[in-house]
C-alpha atoms as a PDB file:
ATOM      1  CA  MET A   1     114.818  65.688 122.191  1.00  0.00           C
ATOM      2  CA  ILE A   2     114.916  69.130 120.596  1.00  0.00           C
ATOM      3  CA  LYS A   3     115.470  68.921 116.822  1.00  0.00           C
ATOM      4  CA  PRO A   4     116.262  71.618 114.225  1.00  0.00           C
ATOM      5  CA  ASP A   5     114.107  70.043 111.497  1.00  0.00           C
ATOM      6  CA  GLY A   6     111.380  72.677 111.559  1.00  0.00           C
ATOM      7  CA  ILE A   7     113.827  75.570 111.430  1.00  0.00           C
ATOM      8  CA  ILE A   8     115.789  74.016 108.555  1.00  0.00           C
ATOM      9  CA  GLU A   9     112.601  73.372 106.589  1.00  0.00           C
ATOM     10  CA  MET A  10     111.473  76.947 107.199  1.00  0.00           C
ATOM     11  CA  ALA A  11     114.807  78.365 106.051  1.00  0.00           C
ATOM     12  CA  SER A  12     114.571  76.363 102.828  1.00  0.00           C
ATOM     13  CA  ALA A  13     110.861  76.855 102.091  1.00  0.00           C
ATOM     14  CA  PHE A  14     111.519  79.408  99.359  1.00  0.00           C
ATOM     15  CA  TYR A  15     113.193  76.700  97.272  1.00  0.00           C
ATOM     16  CA  GLU A  16     109.789  75.126  96.739  1.00  0.00           C
ATOM     17  CA  SER A  17     108.102  78.421  95.839  1.00  0.00           C
ATOM     18  CA  CYS A  18     110.728  79.154  93.208  1.00  0.00           C
ATOM     19  CA  VAL A  19     110.327  75.735  91.637  1.00  0.00           C
ATOM     20  CA  LEU A  20     106.546  76.164  91.437  1.00  0.00           C
ATOM     21  CA  PHE A  21     106.685  79.702  89.999  1.00  0.00           C
ATOM     22  CA  THR A  22     109.346  78.805  87.422  1.00  0.00           C
ATOM     23  CA  ALA A  23     107.627  75.649  86.213  1.00  0.00           C
ATOM     24  CA  SER A  24     104.345  77.520  85.876  1.00  0.00           C
ATOM     25  CA  ASP A  25     105.887  80.503  84.088  1.00  0.00           C
ATOM     26  CA  LEU A  26     107.743  78.270  81.624  1.00  0.00           C
ATOM     27  CA  GLY A  27     104.525  76.442  80.735  1.00  0.00           C
ATOM     28  CA  ILE A  28     105.664  73.006  81.870  1.00  0.00           C
ATOM     29  CA  PHE A  29     102.281  71.942  83.273  1.00  0.00           C
ATOM     30  CA  ALA A  30     100.429  73.230  80.216  1.00  0.00           C
ATOM     31  CA  LYS A  31     102.804  71.454  77.818  1.00  0.00           C
ATOM     32  CA  LEU A  32     102.551  68.161  79.702  1.00  0.00           C
ATOM     33  CA  ALA A  33      98.758  68.494  79.671  1.00  0.00           C
ATOM     34  CA  GLU A  34      99.048  68.770  75.889  1.00  0.00           C
ATOM     35  CA  LEU A  35     101.539  65.940  75.409  1.00  0.00           C
ATOM     36  CA  GLY A  36     100.387  63.613  78.175  1.00  0.00           C
ATOM     37  CA  GLU A  37     103.990  62.715  79.042  1.00  0.00           C
ATOM     38  CA  ALA A  38     107.415  63.618  77.701  1.00  0.00           C
ATOM     39  CA  ASP A  39     111.135  63.306  78.345  1.00  0.00           C
ATOM     40  CA  VAL A  40     113.492  66.182  79.062  1.00  0.00           C
ATOM     41  CA  ALA A  41     114.721  66.486  75.471  1.00  0.00           C
ATOM     42  CA  THR A  42     111.195  66.815  74.127  1.00  0.00           C
ATOM     43  CA  LEU A  43     110.194  69.426  76.704  1.00  0.00           C
ATOM     44  CA  ALA A  44     113.421  71.351  76.228  1.00  0.00           C
ATOM     45  CA  GLY A  45     112.791  71.528  72.492  1.00  0.00           C
ATOM     46  CA  GLU A  46     109.127  72.471  72.849  1.00  0.00           C
ATOM     47  CA  LEU A  47     109.674  75.131  75.535  1.00  0.00           C
ATOM     48  CA  LYS A  48     113.055  76.452  74.311  1.00  0.00           C
ATOM     49  CA  ILE A  49     114.834  75.744  77.604  1.00  0.00           C
ATOM     50  CA  ASP A  50     118.225  74.249  78.431  1.00  0.00           C
ATOM     51  CA  GLU A  51     118.147  70.468  78.723  1.00  0.00           C
ATOM     52  CA  ARG A  52     120.320  70.234  81.837  1.00  0.00           C
ATOM     53  CA  GLY A  53     118.484  73.069  83.568  1.00  0.00           C
ATOM     54  CA  GLY A  54     115.188  71.546  82.538  1.00  0.00           C
ATOM     55  CA  ARG A  55     116.098  68.167  84.015  1.00  0.00           C
ATOM     56  CA  LEU A  56     117.000  69.763  87.346  1.00  0.00           C
ATOM     57  CA  LEU A  57     113.697  71.639  87.425  1.00  0.00           C
ATOM     58  CA  LEU A  58     111.608  68.626  86.387  1.00  0.00           C
ATOM     59  CA  ASP A  59     113.226  66.420  89.028  1.00  0.00           C
ATOM     60  CA  ALA A  60     112.611  69.124  91.627  1.00  0.00           C
ATOM     61  CA  CYS A  61     108.957  69.267  90.542  1.00  0.00           C
ATOM     62  CA  THR A  62     108.785  65.493  90.935  1.00  0.00           C
ATOM     63  CA  THR A  63     110.141  65.507  94.474  1.00  0.00           C
ATOM     64  CA  LEU A  64     107.545  68.189  95.334  1.00  0.00           C
ATOM     65  CA  ASN A  65     104.756  66.007  93.914  1.00  0.00           C
ATOM     66  CA  LEU A  66     104.035  68.496  91.160  1.00  0.00           C
ATOM     67  CA  LEU A  67     105.050  65.905  88.536  1.00  0.00           C
ATOM     68  CA  GLU A  68     105.292  62.128  88.309  1.00  0.00           C
ATOM     69  CA  LYS A  69     108.344  60.443  86.749  1.00  0.00           C
ATOM     70  CA  GLU A  70     108.489  56.979  85.211  1.00  0.00           C
ATOM     71  CA  GLY A  71     111.813  56.077  83.633  1.00  0.00           C
ATOM     72  CA  VAL A  72     112.742  59.181  81.622  1.00  0.00           C
ATOM     73  CA  LEU A  73     109.161  60.352  81.156  1.00  0.00           C
ATOM     74  CA  TYR A  74     107.422  63.059  83.157  1.00  0.00           C
ATOM     75  CA  ARG A  75     103.684  63.692  83.518  1.00  0.00           C
ATOM     76  CA  ASN A  76     101.441  65.967  85.571  1.00  0.00           C
ATOM     77  CA  THR A  77     100.089  64.745  88.881  1.00  0.00           C
ATOM     78  CA  PRO A  78      96.290  64.892  89.202  1.00  0.00           C
ATOM     79  CA  GLU A  79      96.661  68.017  91.372  1.00  0.00           C
ATOM     80  CA  SER A  80      98.891  69.799  88.855  1.00  0.00           C
ATOM     81  CA  GLN A  81      96.584  68.808  86.013  1.00  0.00           C
ATOM     82  CA  PHE A  82      93.587  70.277  87.852  1.00  0.00           C
ATOM     83  CA  PHE A  83      95.115  73.364  89.499  1.00  0.00           C
ATOM     84  CA  LEU A  84      98.132  74.408  87.405  1.00  0.00           C
ATOM     85  CA  VAL A  85      97.049  73.980  83.787  1.00  0.00           C
ATOM     86  CA  PRO A  86      95.613  77.217  82.340  1.00  0.00           C
ATOM     87  CA  GLY A  87      91.942  76.774  81.535  1.00  0.00           C
ATOM     88  CA  SER A  88      91.471  73.736  83.784  1.00  0.00           C
ATOM     89  CA  PRO A  89      88.449  73.682  86.122  1.00  0.00           C
ATOM     90  CA  GLY A  90      90.489  74.602  89.210  1.00  0.00           C
ATOM     91  CA  ASP A  91      93.112  76.753  87.451  1.00  0.00           C
ATOM     92  CA  LEU A  92      95.338  78.601  89.950  1.00  0.00           C
ATOM     93  CA  SER A  93      98.126  79.385  87.490  1.00  0.00           C
ATOM     94  CA  GLY A  94      97.009  83.012  87.252  1.00  0.00           C
ATOM     95  CA  ALA A  95      96.328  83.381  90.970  1.00  0.00           C
ATOM     96  CA  ILE A  96      99.824  82.347  92.064  1.00  0.00           C
ATOM     97  CA  ARG A  97     101.396  85.054  89.909  1.00  0.00           C
ATOM     98  CA  TYR A  98     100.568  87.536  92.649  1.00  0.00           C
ATOM     99  CA  ASN A  99     102.726  85.515  95.049  1.00  0.00           C
ATOM    100  CA  ARG A 100     105.490  85.478  92.454  1.00  0.00           C
ATOM    101  CA  ASP A 101     105.313  89.252  92.030  1.00  0.00           C
ATOM    102  CA  VAL A 102     105.680  89.947  95.773  1.00  0.00           C
ATOM    103  CA  TYR A 103     108.507  87.424  96.165  1.00  0.00           C
ATOM    104  CA  GLY A 104     111.144  90.159  95.862  1.00  0.00           C
ATOM    105  CA  ALA A 105     109.445  92.286  98.511  1.00  0.00           C
ATOM    106  CA  TRP A 106     109.702  89.507 101.084  1.00  0.00           C
ATOM    107  CA  GLY A 107     113.473  89.573 100.673  1.00  0.00           C
ATOM    108  CA  LYS A 108     113.363  93.114 102.063  1.00  0.00           C
ATOM    109  CA  LEU A 109     111.442  92.293 105.247  1.00  0.00           C
ATOM    110  CA  LYS A 110     114.266  93.624 107.415  1.00  0.00           C
ATOM    111  CA  GLU A 111     113.832  97.008 105.697  1.00  0.00           C
ATOM    112  CA  LEU A 112     110.120  97.068 106.555  1.00  0.00           C
ATOM    113  CA  VAL A 113     110.767  96.203 110.183  1.00  0.00           C
ATOM    114  CA  THR A 114     113.542  98.795 110.427  1.00  0.00           C
ATOM    115  CA  THR A 115     111.714 101.682 108.763  1.00  0.00           C
ATOM    116  CA  GLY A 116     108.049 100.808 109.204  1.00  0.00           C
ATOM    117  CA  ALA A 117     107.436 101.693 105.546  1.00  0.00           C
ATOM    118  CA  PRO A 118     106.511  99.446 102.603  1.00  0.00           C
ATOM    119  CA  VAL A 119     109.508  98.236 100.620  1.00  0.00           C
ATOM    120  CA  GLU A 120     108.006  98.932  97.204  1.00  0.00           C
ATOM    121  CA  LYS A 121     105.802 101.691  95.882  1.00  0.00           C
ATOM    122  CA  PRO A 122     102.227 100.682  96.723  1.00  0.00           C
ATOM    123  CA  ASP A 123     100.854 102.146  93.492  1.00  0.00           C
ATOM    124  CA  LEU A 124     102.979  99.842  91.297  1.00  0.00           C
ATOM    125  CA  HIS A 125     100.218  97.248  91.071  1.00  0.00           C
ATOM    126  CA  LEU A 126      97.372  99.763  91.228  1.00  0.00           C
ATOM    127  CA  GLY A 127      97.978 101.759  88.076  1.00  0.00           C
ATOM    128  CA  ASP A 128     101.530 103.126  87.951  1.00  0.00           C
ATOM    129  CA  ASP A 129     103.045 100.048  86.289  1.00  0.00           C
ATOM    130  CA  ALA A 130     100.746  98.771  83.549  1.00  0.00           C
ATOM    131  CA  ASP A 131     102.211  95.253  83.473  1.00  0.00           C
ATOM    132  CA  ARG A 132     102.190  94.822  87.258  1.00  0.00           C
ATOM    133  CA  THR A 133      98.654  96.213  87.422  1.00  0.00           C
ATOM    134  CA  ARG A 134      97.339  93.827  84.782  1.00  0.00           C
ATOM    135  CA  THR A 135      99.094  90.866  86.418  1.00  0.00           C
ATOM    136  CA  PHE A 136      97.656  91.874  89.794  1.00  0.00           C
ATOM    137  CA  VAL A 137      94.084  92.331  88.536  1.00  0.00           C
ATOM    138  CA  LEU A 138      94.130  89.066  86.567  1.00  0.00           C
ATOM    139  CA  SER A 139      95.587  87.252  89.561  1.00  0.00           C
ATOM    140  CA  MET A 140      92.788  88.625  91.755  1.00  0.00           C
ATOM    141  CA  HIS A 141      90.291  87.533  89.102  1.00  0.00           C
ATOM    142  CA  TYR A 142      91.462  83.928  89.174  1.00  0.00           C
ATOM    143  CA  ARG A 143      91.557  83.896  92.965  1.00  0.00           C
ATOM    144  CA  ALA A 144      88.087  85.388  93.170  1.00  0.00           C
ATOM    145  CA  LEU A 145      86.689  82.785  90.786  1.00  0.00           C
ATOM    146  CA  GLY A 146      87.656  80.010  93.170  1.00  0.00           C
ATOM    147  CA  ILE A 147      86.604  81.827  96.328  1.00  0.00           C
ATOM    148  CA  GLY A 148      83.459  83.334  94.854  1.00  0.00           C
ATOM    149  CA  ARG A 149      82.011  80.038  93.686  1.00  0.00           C
ATOM    150  CA  ALA A 150      82.075  78.894  97.309  1.00  0.00           C
ATOM    151  CA  VAL A 151      81.048  82.190  98.917  1.00  0.00           C
ATOM    152  CA  VAL A 152      78.292  83.588  96.693  1.00  0.00           C
ATOM    153  CA  PRO A 153      75.853  80.743  97.496  1.00  0.00           C
ATOM    154  CA  LEU A 154      76.242  81.633 101.198  1.00  0.00           C
ATOM    155  CA  LEU A 155      75.071  85.225 100.685  1.00  0.00           C
ATOM    156  CA  ASP A 156      71.499  86.467 100.841  1.00  0.00           C
ATOM    157  CA  PHE A 157      70.443  88.645  97.911  1.00  0.00           C
ATOM    158  CA  SER A 158      66.692  88.075  98.233  1.00  0.00           C
ATOM    159  CA  GLY A 159      64.796  91.229  97.322  1.00  0.00           C
ATOM    160  CA  CYS A 160      68.002  92.980  96.220  1.00  0.00           C
ATOM    161  CA  LYS A 161      68.299  95.040  93.079  1.00  0.00           C
ATOM    162  CA  LYS A 162      71.477  97.096  93.536  1.00  0.00           C
ATOM    163  CA  VAL A 163      74.832  95.918  94.912  1.00  0.00           C
ATOM    164  CA  LEU A 164      77.897  98.120  95.422  1.00  0.00           C
ATOM    165  CA  ASP A 165      81.216  96.263  95.250  1.00  0.00           C
ATOM    166  CA  VAL A 166      83.733  98.527  97.021  1.00  0.00           C
ATOM    167  CA  GLY A 167      87.307  98.034  95.835  1.00  0.00           C
ATOM    168  CA  GLY A 168      85.898  95.284  93.628  1.00  0.00           C
ATOM    169  CA  GLY A 169      89.075  94.848  91.565  1.00  0.00           C
ATOM    170  CA  PRO A 170      88.381  92.634  88.546  1.00  0.00           C
ATOM    171  CA  GLY A 171      84.630  92.617  89.231  1.00  0.00           C
ATOM    172  CA  THR A 172      84.646  88.828  89.503  1.00  0.00           C
ATOM    173  CA  TYR A 173      82.489  88.634  92.617  1.00  0.00           C
ATOM    174  CA  SER A 174      79.955  91.001  91.082  1.00  0.00           C
ATOM    175  CA  VAL A 175      79.768  88.920  87.894  1.00  0.00           C
ATOM    176  CA  LEU A 176      79.174  85.764  89.955  1.00  0.00           C
ATOM    177  CA  ILE A 177      76.532  87.529  92.067  1.00  0.00           C
ATOM    178  CA  ALA A 178      74.722  88.925  89.036  1.00  0.00           C
ATOM    179  CA  GLY A 179      74.880  85.558  87.319  1.00  0.00           C
ATOM    180  CA  ALA A 180      73.259  83.829  90.297  1.00  0.00           C
ATOM    181  CA  ASN A 181      70.687  86.593  90.904  1.00  0.00           C
ATOM    182  CA  PRO A 182      68.966  87.769  87.686  1.00  0.00           C
ATOM    183  CA  ALA A 183      67.297  90.775  89.373  1.00  0.00           C
ATOM    184  CA  VAL A 184      70.577  92.206  90.692  1.00  0.00           C
ATOM    185  CA  GLU A 185      72.707  94.933  89.132  1.00  0.00           C
ATOM    186  CA  CYS A 186      76.216  95.561  90.479  1.00  0.00           C
ATOM    187  CA  ILE A 187      78.551  98.549  90.512  1.00  0.00           C
ATOM    188  CA  VAL A 188      82.285  97.865  90.868  1.00  0.00           C
ATOM    189  CA  LEU A 189      84.097 100.810  92.459  1.00  0.00           C
ATOM    190  CA  ASP A 190      87.867 100.801  92.008  1.00  0.00           C
ATOM    191  CA  LEU A 191      90.799 102.869  90.772  1.00  0.00           C
ATOM    192  CA  PRO A 192      90.686 103.945  87.089  1.00  0.00           C
ATOM    193  CA  GLU A 193      93.382 101.600  85.747  1.00  0.00           C
ATOM    194  CA  VAL A 194      91.968  98.693  87.723  1.00  0.00           C
ATOM    195  CA  ALA A 195      88.400  99.489  86.630  1.00  0.00           C
ATOM    196  CA  LYS A 196      89.547  99.580  83.004  1.00  0.00           C
ATOM    197  CA  ILE A 197      90.809  95.995  83.176  1.00  0.00           C
ATOM    198  CA  ALA A 198      87.709  94.994  85.156  1.00  0.00           C
ATOM    199  CA  GLY A 199      85.550  96.348  82.345  1.00  0.00           C
ATOM    200  CA  GLU A 200      87.369  94.111  79.862  1.00  0.00           C
ATOM    201  CA  LEU A 201      86.861  91.043  82.043  1.00  0.00           C
ATOM    202  CA  ILE A 202      83.199  91.828  82.651  1.00  0.00           C
ATOM    203  CA  GLU A 203      82.622  92.213  78.918  1.00  0.00           C
ATOM    204  CA  GLN A 204      84.406  88.930  78.198  1.00  0.00           C
ATOM    205  CA  GLN A 205      81.998  87.212  80.574  1.00  0.00           C
ATOM    206  CA  GLY A 206      78.988  88.782  78.871  1.00  0.00           C
ATOM    207  CA  MET A 207      77.810  90.725  81.935  1.00  0.00           C
ATOM    208  CA  SER A 208      78.315  94.353  80.874  1.00  0.00           C
ATOM    209  CA  GLU A 209      74.590  95.072  80.961  1.00  0.00           C
ATOM    210  CA  ARG A 210      74.247  94.328  84.670  1.00  0.00           C
ATOM    211  CA  VAL A 211      77.752  94.850  86.054  1.00  0.00           C
ATOM    212  CA  LYS A 212      79.109  98.389  85.657  1.00  0.00           C
ATOM    213  CA  THR A 213      82.367  99.960  86.784  1.00  0.00           C
ATOM    214  CA  LEU A 214      82.763 103.225  88.687  1.00  0.00           C
ATOM    215  CA  PRO A 215      86.363 104.478  88.317  1.00  0.00           C
ATOM    216  CA  GLY A 216      87.720 106.271  91.362  1.00  0.00           C
ATOM    217  CA  SER A 217      89.090 105.826  94.863  1.00  0.00           C
ATOM    218  CA  TYR A 218      86.687 104.590  97.512  1.00  0.00           C
ATOM    219  CA  ARG A 219      88.738 106.638  99.970  1.00  0.00           C
ATOM    220  CA  THR A 220      87.676 109.927  98.380  1.00  0.00           C
ATOM    221  CA  LEU A 221      84.461 109.223  96.451  1.00  0.00           C
ATOM    222  CA  ASP A 222      81.050 109.285  98.077  1.00  0.00           C
ATOM    223  CA  PHE A 223      79.308 105.969  97.607  1.00  0.00           C
ATOM    224  CA  PRO A 224      76.337 106.092  95.242  1.00  0.00           C
ATOM    225  CA  ALA A 225      73.039 105.986  97.138  1.00  0.00           C
ATOM    226  CA  GLY A 226      70.220 103.461  96.973  1.00  0.00           C
ATOM    227  CA  ASN A 227      72.160 100.247  97.550  1.00  0.00           C
ATOM    228  CA  ASP A 228      70.543  97.103  98.876  1.00  0.00           C
ATOM    229  CA  VAL A 229      73.910  95.474  99.607  1.00  0.00           C
ATOM    230  CA  VAL A 230      77.441  96.827  99.998  1.00  0.00           C
ATOM    231  CA  ASN A 231      80.286  94.321  99.695  1.00  0.00           C
ATOM    232  CA  PHE A 232      83.857  94.703 100.949  1.00  0.00           C
ATOM    233  CA  PHE A 233      85.571  91.601  99.611  1.00  0.00           C
ATOM    234  CA  GLY A 234      89.309  91.270 100.227  1.00  0.00           C
ATOM    235  CA  VAL A 235      90.008  95.008 100.154  1.00  0.00           C
ATOM    236  CA  LEU A 236      90.110  96.382 103.704  1.00  0.00           C
ATOM    237  CA  HIS A 237      93.384  94.712 104.729  1.00  0.00           C
ATOM    238  CA  GLN A 238      95.186  97.648 103.108  1.00  0.00           C
ATOM    239  CA  GLU A 239      93.336 100.253 105.210  1.00  0.00           C
ATOM    240  CA  SER A 240      93.978 101.768 108.627  1.00  0.00           C
ATOM    241  CA  PRO A 241      91.344 101.350 111.371  1.00  0.00           C
ATOM    242  CA  ASP A 242      90.189 104.953 110.900  1.00  0.00           C
ATOM    243  CA  SER A 243      89.814 104.427 107.155  1.00  0.00           C
ATOM    244  CA  ILE A 244      87.831 101.221 107.706  1.00  0.00           C
ATOM    245  CA  ARG A 245      85.518 103.074 110.083  1.00  0.00           C
ATOM    246  CA  GLU A 246      85.018 105.730 107.410  1.00  0.00           C
ATOM    247  CA  GLN A 247      84.205 103.167 104.708  1.00  0.00           C
ATOM    248  CA  PHE A 248      81.677 101.430 106.962  1.00  0.00           C
ATOM    249  CA  LYS A 249      79.968 104.741 107.729  1.00  0.00           C
ATOM    250  CA  LYS A 250      79.796 105.572 104.009  1.00  0.00           C
ATOM    251  CA  ALA A 251      78.387 102.126 103.342  1.00  0.00           C
ATOM    252  CA  TYR A 252      75.723 102.582 106.019  1.00  0.00           C
ATOM    253  CA  ASP A 253      74.688 105.967 104.632  1.00  0.00           C
ATOM    254  CA  SER A 254      74.504 104.610 101.065  1.00  0.00           C
ATOM    255  CA  LEU A 255      72.239 101.683 101.951  1.00  0.00           C
ATOM    256  CA  ASN A 256      68.490 101.605 101.733  1.00  0.00           C
ATOM    257  CA  ASP A 257      66.699 100.851 105.004  1.00  0.00           C
ATOM    258  CA  GLY A 258      67.024  97.133 105.660  1.00  0.00           C
ATOM    259  CA  GLY A 259      70.104  96.943 103.454  1.00  0.00           C
ATOM    260  CA  ARG A 260      73.004  94.628 104.222  1.00  0.00           C
ATOM    261  CA  VAL A 261      76.781  94.798 104.380  1.00  0.00           C
ATOM    262  CA  ASN A 262      79.106  91.854 103.693  1.00  0.00           C
ATOM    263  CA  VAL A 263      82.766  91.882 104.686  1.00  0.00           C
ATOM    264  CA  MET A 264      84.863  88.970 103.484  1.00  0.00           C
ATOM    265  CA  ASP A 265      88.567  89.036 104.206  1.00  0.00           C
ATOM    266  CA  MET A 266      91.446  87.233 105.815  1.00  0.00           C
ATOM    267  CA  MET A 267      91.125  87.812 109.549  1.00  0.00           C
ATOM    268  CA  THR A 268      92.862  86.691 112.716  1.00  0.00           C
ATOM    269  CA  ASP A 269      91.731  85.926 116.212  1.00  0.00           C
ATOM    270  CA  SER A 270      92.111  88.589 118.899  1.00  0.00           C
ATOM    271  CA  THR A 271      95.795  87.695 119.432  1.00  0.00           C
ATOM    272  CA  HIS A 272      96.618  88.450 115.746  1.00  0.00           C
ATOM    273  CA  THR A 273      98.658  85.218 115.637  1.00  0.00           C
ATOM    274  CA  GLN A 274      96.107  82.690 114.335  1.00  0.00           C
ATOM    275  CA  PRO A 275      95.299  81.394 111.758  1.00  0.00           C
ATOM    276  CA  LYS A 276      98.902  81.089 110.610  1.00  0.00           C
ATOM    277  CA  PHE A 277      98.284  82.147 107.007  1.00  0.00           C
ATOM    278  CA  SER A 278      96.435  85.309 108.031  1.00  0.00           C
ATOM    279  CA  ALA A 279      99.193  86.341 110.438  1.00  0.00           C
ATOM    280  CA  LEU A 280     101.800  85.900 107.684  1.00  0.00           C
ATOM    281  CA  PHE A 281      99.619  87.666 105.125  1.00  0.00           C
ATOM    282  CA  ALA A 282      99.588  90.697 107.427  1.00  0.00           C
ATOM    283  CA  VAL A 283     103.345  90.976 106.840  1.00  0.00           C
ATOM    284  CA  ASN A 284     102.815  90.620 103.087  1.00  0.00           C
ATOM    285  CA  MET A 285     100.374  93.535 103.080  1.00  0.00           C
ATOM    286  CA  ALA A 286     102.701  95.722 105.130  1.00  0.00           C
ATOM    287  CA  LEU A 287     105.514  95.060 102.654  1.00  0.00           C
ATOM    288  CA  THR A 288     103.483  96.407  99.735  1.00  0.00           C
ATOM    289  CA  THR A 289     100.978  98.963 101.124  1.00  0.00           C
ATOM    290  CA  GLU A 290     101.176 101.933 103.492  1.00  0.00           C
ATOM    291  CA  ASN A 291      98.668 100.602 106.040  1.00  0.00           C
ATOM    292  CA  GLY A 292      98.612  96.901 105.188  1.00  0.00           C
ATOM    293  CA  TRP A 293      97.792  94.381 107.914  1.00  0.00           C
ATOM    294  CA  VAL A 294      95.163  91.785 108.857  1.00  0.00           C
ATOM    295  CA  PHE A 295      92.518  92.732 111.424  1.00  0.00           C
ATOM    296  CA  SER A 296      90.654  90.412 113.775  1.00  0.00           C
ATOM    297  CA  ASP A 297      87.059  89.314 113.393  1.00  0.00           C
ATOM    298  CA  SER A 298      86.160  91.052 116.659  1.00  0.00           C
ATOM    299  CA  GLN A 299      87.575  94.341 115.385  1.00  0.00           C
ATOM    300  CA  VAL A 300      85.404  94.179 112.259  1.00  0.00           C
ATOM    301  CA  MET A 301      82.344  93.445 114.377  1.00  0.00           C
ATOM    302  CA  GLY A 302      83.155  96.438 116.567  1.00  0.00           C
ATOM    303  CA  TRP A 303      83.635  98.835 113.653  1.00  0.00           C
ATOM    304  CA  LEU A 304      80.382  97.717 112.017  1.00  0.00           C
ATOM    305  CA  HIS A 305      78.545  98.205 115.298  1.00  0.00           C
ATOM    306  CA  GLU A 306      80.024 101.717 115.586  1.00  0.00           C
ATOM    307  CA  ALA A 307      78.717 102.513 112.090  1.00  0.00           C
ATOM    308  CA  GLY A 308      75.182 101.536 113.140  1.00  0.00           C
ATOM    309  CA  PHE A 309      74.862  98.006 111.757  1.00  0.00           C
ATOM    310  CA  THR A 310      72.899  95.380 113.670  1.00  0.00           C
ATOM    311  CA  ASP A 311      72.248  91.626 113.383  1.00  0.00           C
ATOM    312  CA  LEU A 312      75.999  91.050 113.072  1.00  0.00           C
ATOM    313  CA  THR A 313      77.253  87.559 112.259  1.00  0.00           C
ATOM    314  CA  VAL A 314      80.747  86.175 111.714  1.00  0.00           C
ATOM    315  CA  THR A 315      81.495  82.894 109.933  1.00  0.00           C
ATOM    316  CA  PRO A 316      84.819  81.269 109.005  1.00  0.00           C
ATOM    317  CA  LEU A 317      84.663  80.033 105.422  1.00  0.00           C
ATOM    318  CA  PRO A 318      85.303  76.377 104.554  1.00  0.00           C
ATOM    319  CA  SER A 319      88.904  75.179 104.271  1.00  0.00           C
ATOM    320  CA  PRO A 320      91.195  75.741 102.420  1.00  0.00           C
ATOM    321  CA  MET A 321      89.989  79.367 102.203  1.00  0.00           C
ATOM    322  CA  PRO A 322      91.667  81.455 104.952  1.00  0.00           C
ATOM    323  CA  HIS A 323      88.765  83.916 104.942  1.00  0.00           C
ATOM    324  CA  TRP A 324      86.009  84.987 107.294  1.00  0.00           C
ATOM    325  CA  LEU A 325      82.623  86.456 106.397  1.00  0.00           C
ATOM    326  CA  VAL A 326      81.048  89.143 108.556  1.00  0.00           C
ATOM    327  CA  THR A 327      77.552  90.401 107.777  1.00  0.00           C
ATOM    328  CA  GLY A 328      75.379  93.175 109.167  1.00  0.00           C
ATOM    329  CA  LYS A 329      72.099  94.975 108.544  1.00  0.00           C
ATOM    330  CA  LYS A 330      70.863  98.559 108.452  1.00  0.00           C
ATOM    331  CA  GLU A 331      67.666  98.741 110.441  1.00  0.00           C
ATOM    332  CA  ASP A 332      64.393  99.318 108.558  1.00  0.00           C
END
């Protein structure tokens, strides 16, 4: 029998996102981590929120398994304690702020489909709006911390001294790479306002001596020469195919003989419909950037081959990361 359950759940899915974003922004998970457990009146007083509104939100968090409730007392679930409390080992509270910031854009999807143009100015989070830019860069930093700790051990930096991180955002991957490889120095190439925030983060992590920033657009700047590795981590999904081809050619020319290229990004299969998250993320990128999309793994392999790279490999990363890693080599 055909049932409407899936459609109804899909139509209501944004309820859950709003509950998560609001509870995180108000500091509910952080306060409960501090108190252990509390009733509505206590939380309302501590967080300066309305008691009735707070009760509705806390009960919604409970039904979504973000909180546990016993009598009138609420506490974090183990997952919320680990992933949603700032400073916790698996902290995602900063990472999800990117999703919160693009929430409004998704409400204008019809406009994108009708006009073919992004529904907000792409430069808002890349320098034009200082608050949006800082939120974006910090969100990418927290995301990259989680992804990078799983990915960096999979990469080969033997014999490497110089790594170029193209569109490296907060510089998080470069810091992790330099930390795991004492002989490596990294250059993070990104837009001036992004690079400025990256410099602050790199300094906070005590890696300023071996991780430098290069302010500028990778679309217009020539890549510095003499690289042993060029990384494109989570940046090319905002570029057109012709632009990606250009970046791969620049990477090839900037590499020493025997140098390597690493491309890590969300990718789809050749149908552009699977995995589900990647296909949906393609829409997200189109809403906020001129050429945003998600390419397939076979397309990346083809573009790298065109640029001259050999020994190409493609590997899906372990769940829950919706990313693929493609590597290639410049012949000796």
